Amino acid sequence: MAAEHSPLEQFEIKSLIPMNIGGLDVSFTNASLFMVIAIVAITLFLTVGMRKRAMVPGRFQSMAELMYEFTAGMLKDNVGSEGRKYFPFIFSLFMFILFCNVIGLIPYTFTVTSQIIVTFAMAAVVFVGVTLIGIFKHGFKFLSFFVPSGVPFILLIVLVPIEVISYFVRPISLSVRLFANMLAGHTLLKVFGGFVVVLGLWLGWMPFLFIVVLTGLELLVALLQAYVFAVLSCLYLNDALHLHH
């Protein structure tokens, strides 16, 4: 398949406004553009939705309130009342990933969450943040998180390294899960889109129908992956606050 028709071409980072500071490339790219678009879209959605604050909510207000209540409920169920102060961060994280995922389904746009560097950066912020919260709250007692209670000392020699490794793998698993799902789904859509063009008018309708079904599935995946990222962030926060093990 020619490079220009490669299904992976849609994930290529392209420089829109070249910038170089001290030998470091800080160009404004297509990924940067669609991150800005996602933030603007979220701001408009919430501003328009909550502008009137009617007793009988309209469509946008209902959707905005649903997002708010859904995130608040997720945080309360997984962290408890102590996690309430972290609501702005979890809500912002959930909405940003959700909008980036959904915008990426629109033809000729760019899927920001298909870039491992973007998903890893978000996962790293979550990982470092909850770790610092745990250290500030519990001090040296936070290290007990890596020592399972009620385990014989001889087994700790094996279990403690495993617990430490599994803890530091968290940002990798969190980022790869989102990245891989977005990458795989959009690649599949591009491949079947190519089939429609190759097969033409008479047979192209079969892969086209599959694209319609797959797009619906990808929308579900977009919503689900935003939820999974947010709920895992809540679970990590719960571990840091309560040292549950």
C-alpha atoms as a PDB file:
ATOM      1  CA  MET A   1       0.000   0.000   0.000  1.00  0.00           C
ATOM      2  CA  ALA A   2       1.391   3.379  -0.934  1.00  0.00           C
ATOM      3  CA  ALA A   3       2.544   5.591   1.890  1.00  0.00           C
ATOM      4  CA  GLU A   4      -0.031   8.267   1.071  1.00  0.00           C
ATOM      5  CA  HIS A   5      -2.820   5.692   1.449  1.00  0.00           C
ATOM      6  CA  SER A   6      -1.485   4.116   4.617  1.00  0.00           C
ATOM      7  CA  PRO A   7      -4.106   3.794   7.391  1.00  0.00           C
ATOM      8  CA  LEU A   8      -1.430   5.057   9.804  1.00  0.00           C
ATOM      9  CA  GLU A   9      -1.068   8.360   7.937  1.00  0.00           C
ATOM     10  CA  GLN A  10      -3.930   9.806  10.001  1.00  0.00           C
ATOM     11  CA  PHE A  11      -1.750   9.620  13.140  1.00  0.00           C
ATOM     12  CA  GLU A  12       1.129  11.638  11.690  1.00  0.00           C
ATOM     13  CA  ILE A  13       2.121  14.728  13.674  1.00  0.00           C
ATOM     14  CA  LYS A  14       2.346  17.746  11.370  1.00  0.00           C
ATOM     15  CA  SER A  15       3.873  21.094  12.272  1.00  0.00           C
ATOM     16  CA  LEU A  16       1.455  23.983  11.654  1.00  0.00           C
ATOM     17  CA  ILE A  17       3.461  26.828  13.207  1.00  0.00           C
ATOM     18  CA  PRO A  18       7.173  25.941  13.427  1.00  0.00           C
ATOM     19  CA  MET A  19       8.823  27.189  16.628  1.00  0.00           C
ATOM     20  CA  ASN A  20      12.236  26.495  18.089  1.00  0.00           C
ATOM     21  CA  ILE A  21      13.361  27.664  21.533  1.00  0.00           C
ATOM     22  CA  GLY A  22      16.949  26.982  22.572  1.00  0.00           C
ATOM     23  CA  GLY A  23      17.264  24.127  20.102  1.00  0.00           C
ATOM     24  CA  LEU A  24      14.017  22.549  21.368  1.00  0.00           C
ATOM     25  CA  ASP A  25      11.216  22.012  18.877  1.00  0.00           C
ATOM     26  CA  VAL A  26       8.050  23.504  20.400  1.00  0.00           C
ATOM     27  CA  SER A  27       6.092  23.823  17.155  1.00  0.00           C
ATOM     28  CA  PHE A  28       2.332  24.213  17.209  1.00  0.00           C
ATOM     29  CA  THR A  29       1.149  20.956  15.607  1.00  0.00           C
ATOM     30  CA  ASN A  30      -2.112  19.396  14.490  1.00  0.00           C
ATOM     31  CA  ALA A  31      -2.199  17.616  17.866  1.00  0.00           C
ATOM     32  CA  SER A  32      -1.864  20.969  19.642  1.00  0.00           C
ATOM     33  CA  LEU A  33      -4.640  22.417  17.484  1.00  0.00           C
ATOM     34  CA  PHE A  34      -7.126  19.682  18.327  1.00  0.00           C
ATOM     35  CA  MET A  35      -6.270  19.833  22.023  1.00  0.00           C
ATOM     36  CA  VAL A  36      -7.142  23.536  21.887  1.00  0.00           C
ATOM     37  CA  ILE A  37     -10.327  22.710  19.943  1.00  0.00           C
ATOM     38  CA  ALA A  38     -11.289  20.139  22.601  1.00  0.00           C
ATOM     39  CA  ILE A  39     -10.752  22.665  25.420  1.00  0.00           C
ATOM     40  CA  VAL A  40     -12.748  25.354  23.568  1.00  0.00           C
ATOM     41  CA  ALA A  41     -15.545  22.843  22.856  1.00  0.00           C
ATOM     42  CA  ILE A  42     -15.712  21.816  26.535  1.00  0.00           C
ATOM     43  CA  THR A  43     -15.789  25.460  27.638  1.00  0.00           C
ATOM     44  CA  LEU A  44     -18.577  26.311  25.196  1.00  0.00           C
ATOM     45  CA  PHE A  45     -20.533  23.180  26.104  1.00  0.00           C
ATOM     46  CA  LEU A  46     -20.453  23.923  29.837  1.00  0.00           C
ATOM     47  CA  THR A  47     -20.953  27.672  29.401  1.00  0.00           C
ATOM     48  CA  VAL A  48     -23.964  27.287  27.122  1.00  0.00           C
ATOM     49  CA  GLY A  49     -25.332  24.415  29.180  1.00  0.00           C
ATOM     50  CA  MET A  50     -25.217  26.235  32.524  1.00  0.00           C
ATOM     51  CA  ARG A  51     -25.841  29.795  31.319  1.00  0.00           C
ATOM     52  CA  LYS A  52     -29.572  29.903  32.091  1.00  0.00           C
ATOM     53  CA  ARG A  53     -29.713  27.419  34.990  1.00  0.00           C
ATOM     54  CA  ALA A  54     -33.406  26.828  34.360  1.00  0.00           C
ATOM     55  CA  MET A  55     -35.575  24.858  36.779  1.00  0.00           C
ATOM     56  CA  VAL A  56     -36.642  22.773  33.791  1.00  0.00           C
ATOM     57  CA  PRO A  57     -33.309  22.143  32.081  1.00  0.00           C
ATOM     58  CA  GLY A  58     -32.934  22.220  28.330  1.00  0.00           C
ATOM     59  CA  ARG A  59     -30.921  19.798  26.239  1.00  0.00           C
ATOM     60  CA  PHE A  60     -27.472  21.278  26.858  1.00  0.00           C
ATOM     61  CA  GLN A  61     -28.143  21.939  30.538  1.00  0.00           C
ATOM     62  CA  SER A  62     -29.323  18.362  31.019  1.00  0.00           C
ATOM     63  CA  MET A  63     -26.184  17.006  29.354  1.00  0.00           C
ATOM     64  CA  ALA A  64     -23.919  19.302  31.391  1.00  0.00           C
ATOM     65  CA  GLU A  65     -25.636  18.318  34.642  1.00  0.00           C
ATOM     66  CA  LEU A  66     -25.437  14.650  33.656  1.00  0.00           C
ATOM     67  CA  MET A  67     -21.674  14.919  33.108  1.00  0.00           C
ATOM     68  CA  TYR A  68     -21.264  16.705  36.437  1.00  0.00           C
ATOM     69  CA  GLU A  69     -23.369  14.218  38.403  1.00  0.00           C
ATOM     70  CA  PHE A  70     -21.797  11.224  36.668  1.00  0.00           C
ATOM     71  CA  THR A  71     -18.267  12.343  37.569  1.00  0.00           C
ATOM     72  CA  ALA A  72     -19.264  13.327  41.106  1.00  0.00           C
ATOM     73  CA  GLY A  73     -20.917   9.933  41.613  1.00  0.00           C
ATOM     74  CA  MET A  74     -17.886   8.097  40.228  1.00  0.00           C
ATOM     75  CA  LEU A  75     -15.576   9.998  42.566  1.00  0.00           C
ATOM     76  CA  LYS A  76     -17.813   9.426  45.600  1.00  0.00           C
ATOM     77  CA  ASP A  77     -18.222   5.700  44.890  1.00  0.00           C
ATOM     78  CA  ASN A  78     -14.491   5.077  44.433  1.00  0.00           C
ATOM     79  CA  VAL A  79     -12.866   7.582  46.794  1.00  0.00           C
ATOM     80  CA  GLY A  80     -15.532   8.646  49.266  1.00  0.00           C
ATOM     81  CA  SER A  81     -16.280  12.079  50.669  1.00  0.00           C
ATOM     82  CA  GLU A  82     -12.561  12.778  51.132  1.00  0.00           C
ATOM     83  CA  GLY A  83     -12.110  12.823  47.364  1.00  0.00           C
ATOM     84  CA  ARG A  84     -14.575  15.689  46.863  1.00  0.00           C
ATOM     85  CA  LYS A  85     -11.814  18.321  46.764  1.00  0.00           C
ATOM     86  CA  TYR A  86     -10.223  16.511  43.806  1.00  0.00           C
ATOM     87  CA  PHE A  87     -13.422  16.728  41.742  1.00  0.00           C
ATOM     88  CA  PRO A  88     -12.207  19.605  39.489  1.00  0.00           C
ATOM     89  CA  PHE A  89      -9.186  17.576  38.385  1.00  0.00           C
ATOM     90  CA  ILE A  90     -11.077  14.314  37.744  1.00  0.00           C
ATOM     91  CA  PHE A  91     -13.888  16.174  35.956  1.00  0.00           C
ATOM     92  CA  SER A  92     -11.416  18.072  33.753  1.00  0.00           C
ATOM     93  CA  LEU A  93      -9.529  14.854  32.968  1.00  0.00           C
ATOM     94  CA  PHE A  94     -12.698  12.949  32.073  1.00  0.00           C
ATOM     95  CA  MET A  95     -14.127  15.729  29.899  1.00  0.00           C
ATOM     96  CA  PHE A  96     -10.844  16.356  28.080  1.00  0.00           C
ATOM     97  CA  ILE A  97     -10.358  12.685  27.171  1.00  0.00           C
ATOM     98  CA  LEU A  98     -14.028  12.287  26.243  1.00  0.00           C
ATOM     99  CA  PHE A  99     -14.057  15.298  23.904  1.00  0.00           C
ATOM    100  CA  CYS A 100     -10.696  14.373  22.333  1.00  0.00           C
ATOM    101  CA  ASN A 101     -11.993  10.855  21.675  1.00  0.00           C
ATOM    102  CA  VAL A 102     -15.306  11.997  20.196  1.00  0.00           C
ATOM    103  CA  ILE A 103     -13.812  14.815  18.096  1.00  0.00           C
ATOM    104  CA  GLY A 104     -11.380  12.286  16.645  1.00  0.00           C
ATOM    105  CA  LEU A 105     -14.335  10.370  15.163  1.00  0.00           C
ATOM    106  CA  ILE A 106     -15.237  13.301  12.921  1.00  0.00           C
ATOM    107  CA  PRO A 107     -13.789  12.872   9.398  1.00  0.00           C
ATOM    108  CA  TYR A 108     -10.627  14.866   8.624  1.00  0.00           C
ATOM    109  CA  THR A 109      -9.932  15.609  12.291  1.00  0.00           C
ATOM    110  CA  PHE A 110      -7.054  14.371  14.435  1.00  0.00           C
ATOM    111  CA  THR A 111      -7.340  11.949  17.350  1.00  0.00           C
ATOM    112  CA  VAL A 112      -5.149  13.400  20.095  1.00  0.00           C
ATOM    113  CA  THR A 113      -5.540  10.354  22.325  1.00  0.00           C
ATOM    114  CA  SER A 114      -4.050   8.117  19.616  1.00  0.00           C
ATOM    115  CA  GLN A 115      -0.645   9.602  20.537  1.00  0.00           C
ATOM    116  CA  ILE A 116       1.165   7.662  23.273  1.00  0.00           C
ATOM    117  CA  ILE A 117       3.045  10.789  24.394  1.00  0.00           C
ATOM    118  CA  VAL A 118      -0.256  12.557  25.122  1.00  0.00           C
ATOM    119  CA  THR A 119      -1.835   9.662  27.017  1.00  0.00           C
ATOM    120  CA  PHE A 120       1.404   8.991  28.919  1.00  0.00           C
ATOM    121  CA  ALA A 121       1.682  12.661  29.914  1.00  0.00           C
ATOM    122  CA  MET A 122      -1.841  12.530  31.409  1.00  0.00           C
ATOM    123  CA  ALA A 123      -1.115   9.202  33.120  1.00  0.00           C
ATOM    124  CA  ALA A 124       2.168  10.573  34.496  1.00  0.00           C
ATOM    125  CA  VAL A 125       0.363  13.599  35.970  1.00  0.00           C
ATOM    126  CA  VAL A 126      -2.119  11.261  37.671  1.00  0.00           C
ATOM    127  CA  PHE A 127       0.648   8.953  38.926  1.00  0.00           C
ATOM    128  CA  VAL A 128       2.894  11.713  40.291  1.00  0.00           C
ATOM    129  CA  GLY A 129      -0.089  13.580  41.738  1.00  0.00           C
ATOM    130  CA  VAL A 130      -1.567  10.665  43.692  1.00  0.00           C
ATOM    131  CA  THR A 131       1.891   9.590  44.879  1.00  0.00           C
ATOM    132  CA  LEU A 132       2.608  13.064  46.268  1.00  0.00           C
ATOM    133  CA  ILE A 133      -0.840  13.149  47.886  1.00  0.00           C
ATOM    134  CA  GLY A 134      -0.123   9.814  49.565  1.00  0.00           C
ATOM    135  CA  ILE A 135       3.307  10.953  50.796  1.00  0.00           C
ATOM    136  CA  PHE A 136       2.044  14.302  52.120  1.00  0.00           C
ATOM    137  CA  LYS A 137      -0.898  12.640  53.871  1.00  0.00           C
ATOM    138  CA  HIS A 138       0.834   9.600  55.376  1.00  0.00           C
ATOM    139  CA  GLY A 139       4.554  10.415  55.359  1.00  0.00           C
ATOM    140  CA  PHE A 140       6.793   7.353  55.623  1.00  0.00           C
ATOM    141  CA  LYS A 141       3.727   5.256  56.408  1.00  0.00           C
ATOM    142  CA  PHE A 142       2.920   5.460  52.688  1.00  0.00           C
ATOM    143  CA  LEU A 143       5.640   2.831  52.112  1.00  0.00           C
ATOM    144  CA  SER A 144       3.422   0.310  53.918  1.00  0.00           C
ATOM    145  CA  PHE A 145       1.374   0.275  50.715  1.00  0.00           C
ATOM    146  CA  PHE A 146       4.047  -1.988  49.227  1.00  0.00           C
ATOM    147  CA  VAL A 147       4.013  -4.398  52.183  1.00  0.00           C
ATOM    148  CA  PRO A 148       0.943  -6.690  52.171  1.00  0.00           C
ATOM    149  CA  SER A 149      -0.440  -7.186  55.671  1.00  0.00           C
ATOM    150  CA  GLY A 150      -0.451 -10.624  57.272  1.00  0.00           C
ATOM    151  CA  VAL A 151       2.196 -12.060  54.936  1.00  0.00           C
ATOM    152  CA  PRO A 152       5.132 -14.042  56.392  1.00  0.00           C
ATOM    153  CA  PHE A 153       8.439 -12.166  56.328  1.00  0.00           C
ATOM    154  CA  ILE A 154      10.097 -14.674  54.001  1.00  0.00           C
ATOM    155  CA  LEU A 155       7.446 -14.028  51.338  1.00  0.00           C
ATOM    156  CA  LEU A 156       7.926 -10.263  51.574  1.00  0.00           C
ATOM    157  CA  ILE A 157      11.297 -10.691  49.890  1.00  0.00           C
ATOM    158  CA  VAL A 158       9.408 -11.702  46.760  1.00  0.00           C
ATOM    159  CA  LEU A 159       6.164  -9.763  47.150  1.00  0.00           C
ATOM    160  CA  VAL A 160       7.559  -6.301  47.932  1.00  0.00           C
ATOM    161  CA  PRO A 161       9.542  -6.027  44.641  1.00  0.00           C
ATOM    162  CA  ILE A 162       6.458  -7.253  42.766  1.00  0.00           C
ATOM    163  CA  GLU A 163       4.294  -4.607  44.476  1.00  0.00           C
ATOM    164  CA  VAL A 164       6.818  -1.859  43.722  1.00  0.00           C
ATOM    165  CA  ILE A 165       7.061  -2.867  40.053  1.00  0.00           C
ATOM    166  CA  SER A 166       3.275  -3.116  39.674  1.00  0.00           C
ATOM    167  CA  TYR A 167       2.900   0.345  41.228  1.00  0.00           C
ATOM    168  CA  PHE A 168       5.380   2.000  38.872  1.00  0.00           C
ATOM    169  CA  VAL A 169       3.827   0.231  35.872  1.00  0.00           C
ATOM    170  CA  ARG A 170       0.536   2.027  36.519  1.00  0.00           C
ATOM    171  CA  PRO A 171       1.187   5.055  34.271  1.00  0.00           C
ATOM    172  CA  ILE A 172       2.315   2.746  31.456  1.00  0.00           C
ATOM    173  CA  SER A 173      -0.776   0.532  31.606  1.00  0.00           C
ATOM    174  CA  LEU A 174      -3.066   3.555  32.014  1.00  0.00           C
ATOM    175  CA  SER A 175      -1.623   5.336  28.985  1.00  0.00           C
ATOM    176  CA  VAL A 176      -1.227   2.303  26.706  1.00  0.00           C
ATOM    177  CA  ARG A 177      -4.824   1.187  27.281  1.00  0.00           C
ATOM    178  CA  LEU A 178      -6.249   4.480  25.994  1.00  0.00           C
ATOM    179  CA  PHE A 179      -3.681   4.885  23.213  1.00  0.00           C
ATOM    180  CA  ALA A 180      -4.050   1.314  21.909  1.00  0.00           C
ATOM    181  CA  ASN A 181      -7.851   1.411  21.788  1.00  0.00           C
ATOM    182  CA  MET A 182      -7.931   4.699  19.898  1.00  0.00           C
ATOM    183  CA  LEU A 183      -5.166   3.635  17.514  1.00  0.00           C
ATOM    184  CA  ALA A 184      -6.697   0.241  16.721  1.00  0.00           C
ATOM    185  CA  GLY A 185     -10.233   1.521  16.185  1.00  0.00           C
ATOM    186  CA  HIS A 186      -9.276   4.385  13.883  1.00  0.00           C
ATOM    187  CA  THR A 187      -6.902   2.187  11.903  1.00  0.00           C
ATOM    188  CA  LEU A 188      -9.701  -0.312  11.325  1.00  0.00           C
ATOM    189  CA  LEU A 189     -12.043   2.445  10.163  1.00  0.00           C
ATOM    190  CA  LYS A 190      -9.416   3.678   7.701  1.00  0.00           C
ATOM    191  CA  VAL A 191      -8.810   0.180   6.348  1.00  0.00           C
ATOM    192  CA  PHE A 192     -12.507  -0.438   5.648  1.00  0.00           C
ATOM    193  CA  GLY A 193     -12.786   3.044   4.168  1.00  0.00           C
ATOM    194  CA  GLY A 194     -10.108   1.972   1.690  1.00  0.00           C
ATOM    195  CA  PHE A 195     -12.150  -1.130   0.853  1.00  0.00           C
ATOM    196  CA  VAL A 196     -15.133   1.065  -0.050  1.00  0.00           C
ATOM    197  CA  VAL A 197     -12.998   3.009  -2.547  1.00  0.00           C
ATOM    198  CA  VAL A 198     -11.360  -0.099  -4.040  1.00  0.00           C
ATOM    199  CA  LEU A 199     -14.562  -2.141  -4.405  1.00  0.00           C
ATOM    200  CA  GLY A 200     -16.468   0.720  -5.988  1.00  0.00           C
ATOM    201  CA  LEU A 201     -20.194   1.359  -6.262  1.00  0.00           C
ATOM    202  CA  TRP A 202     -21.453  -2.230  -6.645  1.00  0.00           C
ATOM    203  CA  LEU A 203     -19.612  -3.959  -3.793  1.00  0.00           C
ATOM    204  CA  GLY A 204     -18.503  -0.970  -1.729  1.00  0.00           C
ATOM    205  CA  TRP A 205     -21.779  -0.885   0.193  1.00  0.00           C
ATOM    206  CA  MET A 206     -20.771  -3.958   2.226  1.00  0.00           C
ATOM    207  CA  PRO A 207     -17.685  -2.444   3.895  1.00  0.00           C
ATOM    208  CA  PHE A 208     -19.586   0.872   4.098  1.00  0.00           C
ATOM    209  CA  LEU A 209     -22.279  -0.771   6.244  1.00  0.00           C
ATOM    210  CA  PHE A 210     -19.549  -2.243   8.394  1.00  0.00           C
ATOM    211  CA  ILE A 211     -18.040   1.255   8.781  1.00  0.00           C
ATOM    212  CA  VAL A 212     -21.393   2.588  10.006  1.00  0.00           C
ATOM    213  CA  VAL A 213     -21.611  -0.175  12.627  1.00  0.00           C
ATOM    214  CA  LEU A 214     -17.954   0.214  13.558  1.00  0.00           C
ATOM    215  CA  THR A 215     -18.353   3.978  13.988  1.00  0.00           C
ATOM    216  CA  GLY A 216     -21.149   3.359  16.489  1.00  0.00           C
ATOM    217  CA  LEU A 217     -18.898   0.902  18.302  1.00  0.00           C
ATOM    218  CA  GLU A 218     -16.020   3.387  18.262  1.00  0.00           C
ATOM    219  CA  LEU A 219     -18.288   6.023  19.818  1.00  0.00           C
ATOM    220  CA  LEU A 220     -19.048   3.581  22.619  1.00  0.00           C
ATOM    221  CA  VAL A 221     -15.322   2.852  23.006  1.00  0.00           C
ATOM    222  CA  ALA A 222     -14.592   6.596  23.116  1.00  0.00           C
ATOM    223  CA  LEU A 223     -17.028   7.023  26.009  1.00  0.00           C
ATOM    224  CA  LEU A 224     -15.869   3.855  27.753  1.00  0.00           C
ATOM    225  CA  GLN A 225     -12.160   4.680  27.544  1.00  0.00           C
ATOM    226  CA  ALA A 226     -12.712   8.150  29.019  1.00  0.00           C
ATOM    227  CA  TYR A 227     -14.629   6.508  31.863  1.00  0.00           C
ATOM    228  CA  VAL A 228     -11.968   3.806  32.404  1.00  0.00           C
ATOM    229  CA  PHE A 229      -9.155   6.377  32.552  1.00  0.00           C
ATOM    230  CA  ALA A 230     -11.094   8.512  35.036  1.00  0.00           C
ATOM    231  CA  VAL A 231     -12.249   5.633  37.244  1.00  0.00           C
ATOM    232  CA  LEU A 232      -8.729   4.158  37.444  1.00  0.00           C
ATOM    233  CA  SER A 233      -7.457   7.602  38.417  1.00  0.00           C
ATOM    234  CA  CYS A 234     -10.078   7.602  41.184  1.00  0.00           C
ATOM    235  CA  LEU A 235      -8.946   4.158  42.367  1.00  0.00           C
ATOM    236  CA  TYR A 236      -5.305   5.266  42.453  1.00  0.00           C
ATOM    237  CA  LEU A 237      -6.360   8.343  44.411  1.00  0.00           C
ATOM    238  CA  ASN A 238      -8.292   6.145  46.823  1.00  0.00           C
ATOM    239  CA  ASP A 239      -5.193   4.000  47.398  1.00  0.00           C
ATOM    240  CA  ALA A 240      -3.138   7.112  48.159  1.00  0.00           C
ATOM    241  CA  LEU A 241      -5.696   8.540  50.578  1.00  0.00           C
ATOM    242  CA  HIS A 242      -6.681   5.386  52.421  1.00  0.00           C
ATOM    243  CA  LEU A 243      -3.768   2.990  51.804  1.00  0.00           C
ATOM    244  CA  HIS A 244      -6.202   0.216  50.991  1.00  0.00           C
ATOM    245  CA  HIS A 245      -4.362  -2.840  49.785  1.00  0.00           C
END
